[in-house]
Amino acid sequence: MRFRIIGPVLALIATLVFSPASFSQSAEPSPAATATPDLSGLWIRLRDKGAMARGYPSFVLDFGSAMSPMTPWAASKFKINSALYHGDDASTVLSDPIFQCYPPGVPRIYLQNFPVQIVQIPGQVIMLFEYDHFIRRIYTDGRPHDKDQGALWMGDTIGKWEGDTLVADTDSFNDKTLLDRVGHVHSADMRVVERLRRIDRDTLEIEFTVDDRKAFTKPWSTKLIFQQHPDWKVLENVCEDNAGFVEFNKKATQGLKK
C-alpha cells in the first residue's frame, strides 16, 4: 500500500515542478514574443503633393524644406546644377546621372516612381526595386560595414532591429549621384540612417536622416510613406531599353521653366 500511495504523490510533485506555469518567471520568451517584424510586401511611395505645390511637375520629387541649409561648397554646385535644370536649354538636365542610366543612390532611389518589393530572409532584408532592377541588401546578422569595397553608388548597408523598427545604416558612398531632380549634391562623406516601420498592414513608413557635414550645416530628416499593393508584381524595367527615354525627358524638362 505504501508504494501505491508514493507513486501518485511523486506524480503530483512532478506535475507541479515541471508544469509550464512553474517556468513563467524563468523560461525563455515565446517565439511569438520575440518574432522579427515582417516588412515584406510590394510597396510604392505616395505622391509628393509638396513638390507639386512648389511648382514642379508631379514626376519631379525632392525633399524640399526638410533639407538643412547648404554649405558654401554644396551651394556653389547646386547653383550650377540649377542652371542646367532651369536654363535656356532645358535638355541639359539630361546631364543628371540617372538619365545616363547610372544608379540613383540612396535616398534618391525612393524618389523614383516605381514600386519596391521587400523580402526578408534570415540575416538580410532585401529590397527589389522595379526601377532598373536595382537590388539592395540590408544585412541584419551583426556584421560591420565592409570598408574594402571602396566608394559605392548605393553605399554599404547594415541594419538592426529596434522593436518594430528596422534601423538601416548606410555609408561608403561615392559623390557621383544627386539627392533629387532639383540638383542638390552630397559628398562621399554622407551617411544615411533609415528607420523602416510598418504602421499597419498596408502602410510602410521610412524615416531617414542624412548626415553630410561637407554639404549641409547639420543633419536633416524626413519621412516617406509607402502603400502596399499585394496584387502588383515587379515588372522588368531596363533603363537602356527605353527607346523614347531621352526625347521624353527633353520635353518634360521644358515644363520646368513654365
Protein backbone atom coordinates (compact mmCIF):
# COMPACT_ATOMS: atom_id res chain seq x y z
CA MET A 1 0.00 0.00 0.00
CA ARG A 2 2.86 2.34 0.77
CA PHE A 3 4.16 2.14 -2.75
CA ARG A 4 0.73 2.69 -4.22
CA ILE A 5 0.48 5.97 -2.27
CA ILE A 6 4.02 7.16 -3.04
CA GLY A 7 3.52 6.71 -6.79
CA PRO A 8 0.63 9.20 -7.09
CA VAL A 9 2.42 11.62 -4.75
CA LEU A 10 5.56 11.60 -6.88
CA ALA A 11 3.46 12.09 -9.99
CA LEU A 12 1.76 15.09 -8.40
CA ILE A 13 5.11 16.61 -7.39
CA ALA A 14 6.46 16.10 -10.90
CA THR A 15 3.39 17.78 -12.34
CA LEU A 16 3.79 20.81 -10.10
CA VAL A 17 7.55 21.11 -10.55
CA PHE A 18 7.65 20.64 -14.31
CA SER A 19 4.39 22.30 -15.27
CA PRO A 20 4.60 25.25 -17.73
CA ALA A 21 3.27 27.57 -15.02
CA SER A 22 6.30 26.89 -12.85
CA PHE A 23 8.53 28.32 -15.61
CA SER A 24 6.53 31.51 -16.02
CA GLN A 25 9.24 33.64 -14.42
CA SER A 26 12.37 31.98 -15.82
CA ALA A 27 11.51 30.46 -19.18
CA GLU A 28 12.64 32.00 -22.46
CA PRO A 29 10.06 34.26 -24.17
CA SER A 30 7.74 32.52 -26.54
CA PRO A 31 8.53 32.64 -30.30
CA ALA A 32 5.58 34.99 -30.78
CA ALA A 33 7.06 37.46 -28.29
CA THR A 34 10.47 37.53 -29.99
CA ALA A 35 9.38 37.29 -33.63
CA THR A 36 11.08 39.68 -36.04
CA PRO A 37 8.66 42.23 -37.51
CA ASP A 38 7.70 41.50 -41.09
CA LEU A 39 8.21 44.31 -43.62
CA SER A 40 7.61 42.03 -46.59
CA GLY A 41 5.35 43.31 -49.32
CA LEU A 42 5.25 45.27 -52.56
CA TRP A 43 5.25 48.99 -51.83
CA ILE A 44 5.07 52.25 -53.75
CA ARG A 45 5.63 55.73 -52.44
CA LEU A 46 2.65 58.03 -52.17
CA ARG A 47 2.78 61.13 -54.37
CA ASP A 48 4.57 64.20 -53.02
CA LYS A 49 1.98 66.97 -53.11
CA GLY A 50 4.51 69.33 -51.58
CA ALA A 51 6.76 69.18 -54.66
CA MET A 52 3.81 69.99 -56.93
CA ALA A 53 2.86 72.88 -54.66
CA ARG A 54 6.36 74.27 -55.17
CA GLY A 55 5.77 74.39 -58.91
CA TYR A 56 7.41 71.16 -60.03
CA PRO A 57 5.63 68.61 -62.24
CA SER A 58 4.28 65.56 -60.45
CA PHE A 59 7.19 63.41 -61.62
CA VAL A 60 9.75 65.74 -60.03
CA LEU A 61 10.12 64.71 -56.42
CA ASP A 62 12.53 66.32 -53.99
CA PHE A 63 12.99 66.71 -50.25
CA GLY A 64 12.21 70.43 -50.20
CA SER A 65 12.17 72.19 -46.85
CA ALA A 66 13.33 69.08 -44.99
CA MET A 67 16.90 69.85 -46.02
CA SER A 68 19.21 71.83 -43.77
CA PRO A 69 20.99 74.92 -45.16
CA MET A 70 23.73 74.01 -47.61
CA THR A 71 27.39 74.72 -47.02
CA PRO A 72 29.14 77.09 -49.46
CA TRP A 73 30.68 74.05 -51.18
CA ALA A 74 27.28 72.44 -51.84
CA ALA A 75 25.56 75.74 -52.65
CA SER A 76 28.04 76.50 -55.44
CA LYS A 77 27.49 73.09 -57.01
CA PHE A 78 23.72 73.38 -56.61
CA LYS A 79 23.81 76.74 -58.42
CA ILE A 80 25.47 75.10 -61.42
CA ASN A 81 23.00 72.21 -61.40
CA SER A 82 20.06 74.56 -61.04
CA ALA A 83 21.17 76.41 -64.17
CA LEU A 84 21.19 73.10 -66.02
CA TYR A 85 17.68 72.33 -64.86
CA HIS A 86 16.19 75.75 -65.47
CA GLY A 87 18.42 77.32 -68.12
CA ASP A 88 17.56 78.28 -71.69
CA ASP A 89 18.42 74.80 -72.95
CA ALA A 90 16.25 72.62 -70.74
CA SER A 91 17.63 69.46 -72.35
CA THR A 92 20.86 69.96 -70.42
CA VAL A 93 19.06 68.46 -67.43
CA LEU A 94 19.96 65.15 -69.06
CA SER A 95 23.41 65.60 -67.54
CA ASP A 96 21.78 64.17 -64.40
CA PRO A 97 23.46 60.77 -63.90
CA ILE A 98 20.14 58.88 -63.81
CA PHE A 99 19.43 59.95 -67.40
CA GLN A 100 22.64 58.19 -68.33
CA CYS A 101 21.39 55.03 -66.60
CA TYR A 102 23.66 55.34 -63.58
CA PRO A 103 22.33 54.24 -60.17
CA PRO A 104 20.33 56.94 -58.35
CA GLY A 105 21.91 56.33 -54.94
CA VAL A 106 20.28 56.48 -51.51
CA PRO A 107 17.95 58.11 -50.56
CA ARG A 108 17.11 59.18 -54.12
CA ILE A 109 16.14 55.63 -55.12
CA TYR A 110 12.96 56.22 -53.12
CA LEU A 111 12.01 59.19 -55.30
CA GLN A 112 11.80 57.07 -58.45
CA ASN A 113 8.13 56.45 -59.13
CA PHE A 114 8.41 52.66 -59.25
CA PRO A 115 7.44 50.00 -56.70
CA VAL A 116 9.85 48.16 -54.44
CA GLN A 117 9.38 44.66 -53.10
CA ILE A 118 10.78 43.87 -49.65
CA VAL A 119 11.78 40.27 -48.91
CA GLN A 120 13.09 39.08 -45.55
CA ILE A 121 15.35 36.10 -45.06
CA PRO A 122 17.48 35.19 -42.03
CA GLY A 123 20.19 37.82 -41.67
CA GLN A 124 19.02 40.04 -44.51
CA VAL A 125 16.26 42.37 -45.63
CA ILE A 126 16.33 42.56 -49.43
CA MET A 127 14.82 45.44 -51.40
CA LEU A 128 13.99 44.62 -55.04
CA PHE A 129 13.41 47.87 -56.91
CA GLU A 130 11.50 47.79 -60.17
CA TYR A 131 13.49 50.83 -61.27
CA ASP A 132 16.24 49.32 -63.43
CA HIS A 133 16.06 46.19 -61.25
CA PHE A 134 18.34 47.52 -58.53
CA ILE A 135 18.82 45.18 -55.58
CA ARG A 136 19.69 46.48 -52.14
CA ARG A 137 20.68 44.22 -49.25
CA ILE A 138 20.41 45.31 -45.63
CA TYR A 139 22.45 42.86 -43.55
CA THR A 140 20.98 42.21 -40.11
CA ASP A 141 23.34 39.44 -38.97
CA GLY A 142 25.58 41.71 -36.89
CA ARG A 143 28.37 42.18 -39.42
CA PRO A 144 30.20 45.55 -39.54
CA HIS A 145 30.41 47.84 -42.55
CA ASP A 146 32.55 46.46 -45.36
CA LYS A 147 35.34 49.00 -45.78
CA ASP A 148 37.11 47.04 -48.54
CA GLN A 149 34.58 47.84 -51.28
CA GLY A 150 35.57 51.46 -51.75
CA ALA A 151 33.10 54.18 -52.74
CA LEU A 152 29.76 52.82 -53.98
CA TRP A 153 26.80 54.26 -55.89
CA MET A 154 24.27 52.78 -53.45
CA GLY A 155 26.51 52.62 -50.38
CA ASP A 156 27.13 49.77 -47.94
CA THR A 157 24.21 49.00 -45.62
CA ILE A 158 23.93 47.13 -42.34
CA GLY A 159 20.87 47.01 -40.10
CA LYS A 160 19.47 46.05 -36.73
CA TRP A 161 16.02 45.72 -35.20
CA GLU A 162 14.82 48.12 -32.52
CA GLY A 163 11.41 46.83 -31.50
CA ASP A 164 9.17 47.00 -34.57
CA THR A 165 11.63 49.20 -36.48
CA LEU A 166 14.47 48.22 -38.83
CA VAL A 167 17.32 50.70 -38.45
CA ALA A 168 19.49 50.70 -41.60
CA ASP A 169 22.87 52.47 -41.59
CA THR A 170 24.50 53.24 -44.95
CA ASP A 171 27.92 54.69 -45.69
CA SER A 172 30.76 54.30 -48.25
CA PHE A 173 29.02 56.41 -50.91
CA ASN A 174 30.69 57.96 -53.92
CA ASP A 175 29.83 61.59 -54.72
CA LYS A 176 28.53 60.98 -58.24
CA THR A 177 24.79 60.96 -57.52
CA LEU A 178 22.35 63.79 -56.87
CA LEU A 179 19.88 63.76 -54.00
CA ASP A 180 16.92 64.76 -56.18
CA ARG A 181 15.84 66.03 -59.58
CA VAL A 182 16.32 69.61 -58.49
CA GLY A 183 20.11 69.28 -58.29
CA HIS A 184 21.11 69.00 -54.62
CA VAL A 185 24.51 67.35 -54.16
CA HIS A 186 26.18 65.33 -51.44
CA SER A 187 29.75 64.36 -50.68
CA ALA A 188 31.45 61.00 -50.27
CA ASP A 189 31.24 61.58 -46.50
CA MET A 190 27.45 61.23 -46.49
CA ARG A 191 25.85 58.81 -44.06
CA VAL A 192 22.17 57.83 -44.27
CA VAL A 193 20.27 56.21 -41.41
CA GLU A 194 16.81 54.86 -42.23
CA ARG A 195 14.11 53.70 -39.84
CA LEU A 196 11.63 51.38 -41.58
CA ARG A 197 8.41 50.63 -39.74
CA ARG A 198 5.15 49.03 -40.79
CA ILE A 199 2.41 51.30 -39.47
CA ASP A 200 -0.34 48.87 -40.41
CA ARG A 201 -0.90 46.06 -42.91
CA ASP A 202 -0.89 48.34 -45.94
CA THR A 203 1.29 51.27 -44.82
CA LEU A 204 5.07 51.46 -44.54
CA GLU A 205 6.92 54.45 -43.09
CA ILE A 206 10.56 55.16 -43.86
CA GLU A 207 12.13 57.92 -41.83
CA PHE A 208 15.68 58.74 -42.80
CA THR A 209 18.36 61.11 -41.62
CA VAL A 210 21.09 62.45 -43.90
CA ASP A 211 24.32 63.44 -42.18
CA ASP A 212 26.81 65.10 -44.53
CA ARG A 213 28.67 67.98 -42.91
CA LYS A 214 30.51 68.83 -46.13
CA ALA A 215 27.22 69.51 -47.93
CA PHE A 216 24.83 70.57 -45.13
CA THR A 217 25.30 72.63 -41.99
CA LYS A 218 23.59 69.95 -39.88
CA PRO A 219 21.85 66.58 -40.34
CA TRP A 220 18.31 66.65 -41.71
CA SER A 221 15.45 64.16 -41.59
CA THR A 222 12.19 63.46 -43.36
CA LYS A 223 9.58 60.70 -43.66
CA LEU A 224 8.28 58.89 -46.71
CA ILE A 225 5.03 56.90 -46.72
CA PHE A 226 4.52 53.83 -48.88
CA GLN A 227 1.33 51.94 -49.68
CA GLN A 228 1.19 48.19 -50.19
CA HIS A 229 -0.15 46.67 -53.42
CA PRO A 230 -0.24 42.89 -52.90
CA ASP A 231 -1.89 42.38 -56.29
CA TRP A 232 1.01 44.04 -58.16
CA LYS A 233 4.29 42.49 -59.25
CA VAL A 234 7.74 43.86 -60.03
CA LEU A 235 7.94 44.31 -63.77
CA GLU A 236 11.00 44.33 -65.99
CA ASN A 237 12.38 47.83 -66.25
CA VAL A 238 15.72 48.32 -68.03
CA CYS A 239 16.96 51.87 -68.46
CA GLU A 240 18.73 51.22 -71.77
CA ASP A 241 15.59 49.67 -73.25
CA ASN A 242 13.56 52.86 -73.01
CA ALA A 243 13.80 53.95 -76.64
CA GLY A 244 11.96 57.24 -76.08
CA PHE A 245 13.60 57.94 -72.73
CA VAL A 246 15.80 60.86 -73.79
CA GLU A 247 13.21 62.52 -76.02
CA PHE A 248 10.53 62.20 -73.35
CA ASN A 249 12.72 63.87 -70.77
CA LYS A 250 13.70 66.68 -73.11
CA LYS A 251 10.01 67.55 -73.44
CA ALA A 252 9.31 67.00 -69.78
CA THR A 253 12.14 69.22 -68.57
CA GLN A 254 10.90 72.08 -70.72
CA GLY A 255 7.90 72.17 -68.42
CA LEU A 256 10.20 73.10 -65.54
CA LYS A 257 10.54 76.61 -67.00
CA LYS A 258 6.81 77.20 -67.34
